[in-house]
PDB file of N, CA and C in Angstrom:
ATOM      1  N   MET A   1      36.506   5.296  15.326  1.00  0.00           N
ATOM      2  CA  MET A   1      36.992   5.745  16.149  1.00  0.00           C
ATOM      3  C   MET A   1      37.225   6.748  16.676  1.00  0.00           C
ATOM      4  N   GLN A   2      36.397   6.877  17.851  1.00  0.00           N
ATOM      5  CA  GLN A   2      36.580   8.480  18.389  1.00  0.00           C
ATOM      6  C   GLN A   2      37.784   8.636  19.765  1.00  0.00           C
ATOM      7  N   PHE A   3      38.152   9.688  19.385  1.00  0.00           N
ATOM      8  CA  PHE A   3      39.556   9.915  20.577  1.00  0.00           C
ATOM      9  C   PHE A   3      39.241  11.385  21.282  1.00  0.00           C
ATOM     10  N   GLU A   4      39.620  11.370  22.580  1.00  0.00           N
ATOM     11  CA  GLU A   4      39.587  12.774  23.248  1.00  0.00           C
ATOM     12  C   GLU A   4      40.844  13.438  23.866  1.00  0.00           C
ATOM     13  N   ILE A   5      41.624  14.071  23.304  1.00  0.00           N
ATOM     14  CA  ILE A   5      42.837  14.747  23.356  1.00  0.00           C
ATOM     15  C   ILE A   5      42.661  15.577  24.358  1.00  0.00           C
ATOM     16  N   HIS A   6      43.249  16.029  25.525  1.00  0.00           N
ATOM     17  CA  HIS A   6      43.692  17.296  26.467  1.00  0.00           C
ATOM     18  C   HIS A   6      45.288  17.706  25.810  1.00  0.00           C
ATOM     19  N   PRO A   7      44.542  18.668  25.308  1.00  0.00           N
ATOM     20  CA  PRO A   7      45.720  19.316  24.554  1.00  0.00           C
ATOM     21  C   PRO A   7      46.628  20.716  25.542  1.00  0.00           C
ATOM     22  N   GLN A   8      48.301  20.545  25.235  1.00  0.00           N
ATOM     23  CA  GLN A   8      48.855  21.269  25.843  1.00  0.00           C
ATOM     24  C   GLN A   8      49.055  22.264  24.747  1.00  0.00           C
ATOM     25  N   ILE A   9      49.071  24.028  24.732  1.00  0.00           N
ATOM     26  CA  ILE A   9      49.189  24.581  23.687  1.00  0.00           C
ATOM     27  C   ILE A   9      50.676  25.036  24.155  1.00  0.00           C
ATOM     28  N   ASP A  10      51.456  25.296  23.195  1.00  0.00           N
ATOM     29  CA  ASP A  10      52.775  26.134  23.111  1.00  0.00           C
ATOM     30  C   ASP A  10      53.286  26.668  21.936  1.00  0.00           C
ATOM     31  N   HIS A  11      53.498  27.993  22.773  1.00  0.00           N
ATOM     32  CA  HIS A  11      53.691  29.221  21.908  1.00  0.00           C
ATOM     33  C   HIS A  11      55.411  29.256  21.758  1.00  0.00           C
ATOM     34  N   ARG A  12      55.501  28.947  20.084  1.00  0.00           N
ATOM     35  CA  ARG A  12      56.801  29.164  20.057  1.00  0.00           C
ATOM     36  C   ARG A  12      56.752  30.137  18.895  1.00  0.00           C
ATOM     37  N   PRO A  13      57.875  30.993  18.746  1.00  0.00           N
ATOM     38  CA  PRO A  13      58.288  31.833  17.524  1.00  0.00           C
ATOM     39  C   PRO A  13      58.140  31.479  15.910  1.00  0.00           C
ATOM     40  N   ASP A  14      58.280  29.745  15.598  1.00  0.00           N
ATOM     41  CA  ASP A  14      57.052  29.432  14.738  1.00  0.00           C
ATOM     42  C   ASP A  14      55.901  29.749  14.739  1.00  0.00           C
ATOM     43  N   GLY A  15      55.455  29.628  15.080  1.00  0.00           N
ATOM     44  CA  GLY A  15      53.741  29.724  15.270  1.00  0.00           C
ATOM     45  C   GLY A  15      53.163  28.959  16.207  1.00  0.00           C
ATOM     46  N   ASP A  16      51.985  28.730  16.421  1.00  0.00           N
ATOM     47  CA  ASP A  16      51.216  28.373  17.214  1.00  0.00           C
ATOM     48  C   ASP A  16      50.888  26.868  16.898  1.00  0.00           C
ATOM     49  N   THR A  17      51.290  25.774  18.019  1.00  0.00           N
ATOM     50  CA  THR A  17      51.058  24.603  17.734  1.00  0.00           C
ATOM     51  C   THR A  17      50.876  23.715  19.267  1.00  0.00           C
ATOM     52  N   PHE A  18      50.429  22.306  19.024  1.00  0.00           N
ATOM     53  CA  PHE A  18      50.101  22.319  20.202  1.00  0.00           C
ATOM     54  C   PHE A  18      50.704  20.617  20.670  1.00  0.00           C
ATOM     55  N   THR A  19      50.878  20.259  21.955  1.00  0.00           N
ATOM     56  CA  THR A  19      51.160  19.091  21.973  1.00  0.00           C
ATOM     57  C   THR A  19      49.948  18.286  22.766  1.00  0.00           C
ATOM     58  N   VAL A  20      50.115  17.101  22.699  1.00  0.00           N
ATOM     59  CA  VAL A  20      48.971  16.281  23.569  1.00  0.00           C
ATOM     60  C   VAL A  20      49.610  16.193  24.860  1.00  0.00           C
ATOM     61  N   ALA A  21      48.681  16.295  26.061  1.00  0.00           N
ATOM     62  CA  ALA A  21      49.025  16.086  26.976  1.00  0.00           C
ATOM     63  C   ALA A  21      48.246  14.785  27.825  1.00  0.00           C
ATOM     64  N   ARG A  22      47.185  14.526  26.715  1.00  0.00           N
ATOM     65  CA  ARG A  22      46.622  13.318  27.871  1.00  0.00           C
ATOM     66  C   ARG A  22      45.522  12.732  25.955  1.00  0.00           C
ATOM     67  N   LEU A  23      45.710  11.434  25.608  1.00  0.00           N
ATOM     68  CA  LEU A  23      44.766  10.889  24.478  1.00  0.00           C
ATOM     69  C   LEU A  23      43.683   9.411  25.100  1.00  0.00           C
ATOM     70  N   PHE A  24      42.884   9.877  24.931  1.00  0.00           N
ATOM     71  CA  PHE A  24      41.398   8.801  25.327  1.00  0.00           C
ATOM     72  C   PHE A  24      41.159   8.327  24.376  1.00  0.00           C
ATOM     73  N   ALA A  25      40.677   7.273  24.263  1.00  0.00           N
ATOM     74  CA  ALA A  25      39.726   6.534  23.126  1.00  0.00           C
ATOM     75  C   ALA A  25      38.689   6.474  23.862  1.00  0.00           C
ATOM     76  N   ALA A  26      37.430   7.179  23.330  1.00  0.00           N
ATOM     77  CA  ALA A  26      35.844   7.181  23.896  1.00  0.00           C
ATOM     78  C   ALA A  26      34.974   5.963  23.087  1.00  0.00           C
ATOM     79  N   GLY A  27      34.708   5.460  24.396  1.00  0.00           N
ATOM     80  CA  GLY A  27      33.863   4.027  23.325  1.00  0.00           C
ATOM     81  C   GLY A  27      32.658   3.973  24.422  1.00  0.00           C
ATOM     82  N   ARG A  28      31.900   2.934  23.631  1.00  0.00           N
ATOM     83  CA  ARG A  28      30.710   2.181  25.020  1.00  0.00           C
ATOM     84  C   ARG A  28      31.186   2.005  26.694  1.00  0.00           C
ATOM     85  N   ALA A  29      32.416   1.210  26.621  1.00  0.00           N
ATOM     86  CA  ALA A  29      32.776   0.963  27.626  1.00  0.00           C
ATOM     87  C   ALA A  29      33.499   2.600  28.670  1.00  0.00           C
ATOM     88  N   GLY A  30      33.102   3.113  27.810  1.00  0.00           N
ATOM     89  CA  GLY A  30      33.934   4.469  28.975  1.00  0.00           C
ATOM     90  C   GLY A  30      35.343   4.636  27.501  1.00  0.00           C
ATOM     91  N   LYS A  31      36.149   5.321  28.558  1.00  0.00           N
ATOM     92  CA  LYS A  31      37.426   6.150  27.896  1.00  0.00           C
ATOM     93  C   LYS A  31      38.454   5.637  28.712  1.00  0.00           C
ATOM     94  N   ARG A  32      39.605   5.157  27.432  1.00  0.00           N
ATOM     95  CA  ARG A  32      40.516   4.574  27.923  1.00  0.00           C
ATOM     96  C   ARG A  32      41.542   4.926  27.985  1.00  0.00           C
ATOM     97  N   ASP A  33      42.664   5.283  28.580  1.00  0.00           N
ATOM     98  CA  ASP A  33      44.073   6.138  28.311  1.00  0.00           C
ATOM     99  C   ASP A  33      44.888   5.588  27.463  1.00  0.00           C
ATOM    100  N   LEU A  34      45.345   6.075  26.275  1.00  0.00           N
ATOM    101  CA  LEU A  34      46.601   5.496  25.044  1.00  0.00           C
ATOM    102  C   LEU A  34      47.137   6.710  25.231  1.00  0.00           C
ATOM    103  N   SER A  35      47.490   7.589  26.393  1.00  0.00           N
ATOM    104  CA  SER A  35      48.666   8.514  26.079  1.00  0.00           C
ATOM    105  C   SER A  35      49.959   7.858  26.128  1.00  0.00           C
ATOM    106  N   HIS A  36      50.095   6.624  26.652  1.00  0.00           N
ATOM    107  CA  HIS A  36      51.379   5.686  25.879  1.00  0.00           C
ATOM    108  C   HIS A  36      51.558   5.494  24.983  1.00  0.00           C
ATOM    109  N   MET A  37      50.738   5.752  24.326  1.00  0.00           N
ATOM    110  CA  MET A  37      50.982   4.945  22.754  1.00  0.00           C
ATOM    111  C   MET A  37      51.208   5.834  21.628  1.00  0.00           C
ATOM    112  N   ILE A  38      51.346   7.345  22.015  1.00  0.00           N
ATOM    113  CA  ILE A  38      51.894   8.358  21.144  1.00  0.00           C
ATOM    114  C   ILE A  38      53.173   9.050  21.610  1.00  0.00           C
ATOM    115  N   ASP A  39      53.390  10.116  20.595  1.00  0.00           N
ATOM    116  CA  ASP A  39      54.583  10.391  21.402  1.00  0.00           C
ATOM    117  C   ASP A  39      54.067  12.154  21.912  1.00  0.00           C
ATOM    118  N   ARG A  40      53.787  12.494  23.100  1.00  0.00           N
ATOM    119  CA  ARG A  40      53.364  13.369  23.257  1.00  0.00           C
ATOM    120  C   ARG A  40      54.248  14.838  23.137  1.00  0.00           C
ATOM    121  N   SER A  41      55.085  14.941  22.746  1.00  0.00           N
ATOM    122  CA  SER A  41      56.346  15.778  22.889  1.00  0.00           C
ATOM    123  C   SER A  41      55.995  16.312  21.249  1.00  0.00           C
ATOM    124  N   TYR A  42      55.432  15.664  20.273  1.00  0.00           N
ATOM    125  CA  TYR A  42      55.275  16.429  19.265  1.00  0.00           C
ATOM    126  C   TYR A  42      54.357  17.220  19.007  1.00  0.00           C
ATOM    127  N   PRO A  43      54.739  18.380  18.165  1.00  0.00           N
ATOM    128  CA  PRO A  43      54.318  19.458  17.812  1.00  0.00           C
ATOM    129  C   PRO A  43      53.435  19.310  16.348  1.00  0.00           C
ATOM    130  N   TYR A  44      51.998  19.503  16.812  1.00  0.00           N
ATOM    131  CA  TYR A  44      51.191  19.006  15.867  1.00  0.00           C
ATOM    132  C   TYR A  44      50.506  20.997  15.536  1.00  0.00           C
ATOM    133  N   GLN A  45      50.130  21.081  14.201  1.00  0.00           N
ATOM    134  CA  GLN A  45      49.902  22.094  13.927  1.00  0.00           C
ATOM    135  C   GLN A  45      48.297  22.213  13.700  1.00  0.00           C
ATOM    136  N   SER A  46      47.608  21.236  13.688  1.00  0.00           N
ATOM    137  CA  SER A  46      46.192  20.957  13.883  1.00  0.00           C
ATOM    138  C   SER A  46      45.494  20.263  14.209  1.00  0.00           C
ATOM    139  N   LEU A  47      44.185  19.981  14.567  1.00  0.00           N
ATOM    140  CA  LEU A  47      43.107  18.301  14.390  1.00  0.00           C
ATOM    141  C   LEU A  47      43.451  17.233  13.314  1.00  0.00           C
ATOM    142  N   ARG A  48      43.502  18.238  12.139  1.00  0.00           N
ATOM    143  CA  ARG A  48      43.582  17.446  11.276  1.00  0.00           C
ATOM    144  C   ARG A  48      45.339  16.551  11.171  1.00  0.00           C
ATOM    145  N   GLU A  49      46.313  17.687  11.213  1.00  0.00           N
ATOM    146  CA  GLU A  49      47.201  16.459  11.354  1.00  0.00           C
ATOM    147  C   GLU A  49      47.596  15.608  12.238  1.00  0.00           C
ATOM    148  N   LEU A  50      46.861  15.560  13.601  1.00  0.00           N
ATOM    149  CA  LEU A  50      46.542  14.814  14.521  1.00  0.00           C
ATOM    150  C   LEU A  50      45.848  13.601  13.905  1.00  0.00           C
ATOM    151  N   ARG A  51      44.749  14.285  13.425  1.00  0.00           N
ATOM    152  CA  ARG A  51      44.037  12.928  13.095  1.00  0.00           C
ATOM    153  C   ARG A  51      44.463  11.865  12.322  1.00  0.00           C
ATOM    154  N   TRP A  52      45.572  12.275  11.126  1.00  0.00           N
ATOM    155  CA  TRP A  52      45.803  11.476  10.121  1.00  0.00           C
ATOM    156  C   TRP A  52      47.186  11.057  11.101  1.00  0.00           C
ATOM    157  N   HIS A  53      47.733  11.319  12.042  1.00  0.00           N
ATOM    158  CA  HIS A  53      48.751  10.668  12.795  1.00  0.00           C
ATOM    159  C   HIS A  53      48.340   9.408  13.290  1.00  0.00           C
ATOM    160  N   LEU A  54      46.821   9.479  13.913  1.00  0.00           N
ATOM    161  CA  LEU A  54      46.054   8.315  15.036  1.00  0.00           C
ATOM    162  C   LEU A  54      45.261   7.274  14.121  1.00  0.00           C
ATOM    163  N   ALA A  55      45.324   7.983  12.859  1.00  0.00           N
ATOM    164  CA  ALA A  55      44.907   6.832  11.515  1.00  0.00           C
ATOM    165  C   ALA A  55      45.741   5.719  11.452  1.00  0.00           C
ATOM    166  N   GLU A  56      47.037   6.563  10.846  1.00  0.00           N
ATOM    167  CA  GLU A  56      48.375   5.838  10.775  1.00  0.00           C
ATOM    168  C   GLU A  56      48.402   4.795  12.222  1.00  0.00           C
ATOM    169  N   ARG A  57      48.917   5.271  13.262  1.00  0.00           N
ATOM    170  CA  ARG A  57      49.249   4.484  14.099  1.00  0.00           C
ATOM    171  C   ARG A  57      48.671   3.366  14.569  1.00  0.00           C
ATOM    172  N   PHE A  58      46.836   3.697  14.306  1.00  0.00           N
ATOM    173  CA  PHE A  58      45.929   2.433  14.767  1.00  0.00           C
ATOM    174  C   PHE A  58      46.097   1.702  13.763  1.00  0.00           C
ATOM    175  N   SER A  59      46.003   1.660  12.618  1.00  0.00           N
ATOM    176  CA  SER A  59      45.905   1.577  11.401  1.00  0.00           C
ATOM    177  C   SER A  59      44.403   1.468  11.076  1.00  0.00           C
ATOM    178  N   LEU A  60      43.957   2.962  10.764  1.00  0.00           N
ATOM    179  CA  LEU A  60      42.461   3.118  10.520  1.00  0.00           C
ATOM    180  C   LEU A  60      42.557   3.801   9.678  1.00  0.00           C
ATOM    181  N   PRO A  61      41.295   3.368   9.148  1.00  0.00           N
ATOM    182  CA  PRO A  61      41.188   4.819   7.909  1.00  0.00           C
ATOM    183  C   PRO A  61      40.980   6.186   7.966  1.00  0.00           C
ATOM    184  N   VAL A  62      41.722   6.846   7.716  1.00  0.00           N
ATOM    185  CA  VAL A  62      41.260   8.386   8.067  1.00  0.00           C
ATOM    186  C   VAL A  62      39.830   8.832   8.251  1.00  0.00           C
ATOM    187  N   LYS A  63      38.677   8.271   7.306  1.00  0.00           N
ATOM    188  CA  LYS A  63      37.681   8.690   7.885  1.00  0.00           C
ATOM    189  C   LYS A  63      36.799   8.290   8.857  1.00  0.00           C
ATOM    190  N   GLY A  64      37.447   6.991   9.710  1.00  0.00           N
ATOM    191  CA  GLY A  64      36.798   6.154  10.707  1.00  0.00           C
ATOM    192  C   GLY A  64      37.302   6.990  11.964  1.00  0.00           C
ATOM    193  N   VAL A  65      38.150   8.506  11.818  1.00  0.00           N
ATOM    194  CA  VAL A  65      39.348   8.742  13.191  1.00  0.00           C
ATOM    195  C   VAL A  65      38.233   9.799  13.680  1.00  0.00           C
ATOM    196  N   ASP A  66      37.568  10.323  14.622  1.00  0.00           N
ATOM    197  CA  ASP A  66      37.339  11.613  14.888  1.00  0.00           C
ATOM    198  C   ASP A  66      38.048  11.966  16.223  1.00  0.00           C
ATOM    199  N   VAL A  67      38.433  12.913  16.293  1.00  0.00           N
ATOM    200  CA  VAL A  67      39.175  13.791  16.984  1.00  0.00           C
ATOM    201  C   VAL A  67      38.368  15.450  18.056  1.00  0.00           C
ATOM    202  N   ARG A  68      38.272  15.107  18.657  1.00  0.00           N
ATOM    203  CA  ARG A  68      37.973  16.100  20.111  1.00  0.00           C
ATOM    204  C   ARG A  68      38.715  16.719  20.648  1.00  0.00           C
ATOM    205  N   ALA A  69      38.925  18.045  20.967  1.00  0.00           N
ATOM    206  CA  ALA A  69      39.771  18.297  22.175  1.00  0.00           C
ATOM    207  C   ALA A  69      38.645  18.370  23.796  1.00  0.00           C
ATOM    208  N   ALA A  70      39.316  18.455  24.507  1.00  0.00           N
ATOM    209  CA  ALA A  70      38.255  18.115  25.676  1.00  0.00           C
ATOM    210  C   ALA A  70      38.740  19.523  26.685  1.00  0.00           C
TER     211      ALA A  70
END
């Protein structure tokens, strides 16, 4: 499953992190907004961490999840 995120960069004393401002599932039928299905205040350290979180959240294998920043 392909996801597209619109990140919001957070500059915190403990290092650079980002939160997800918007999350879209990209598919043949276009984009679906799934922003309401995740905690958008969580400070992610990397796209890899977000990828694992999305795989768990949507019960998908990690290898089947593709995340791209817009």
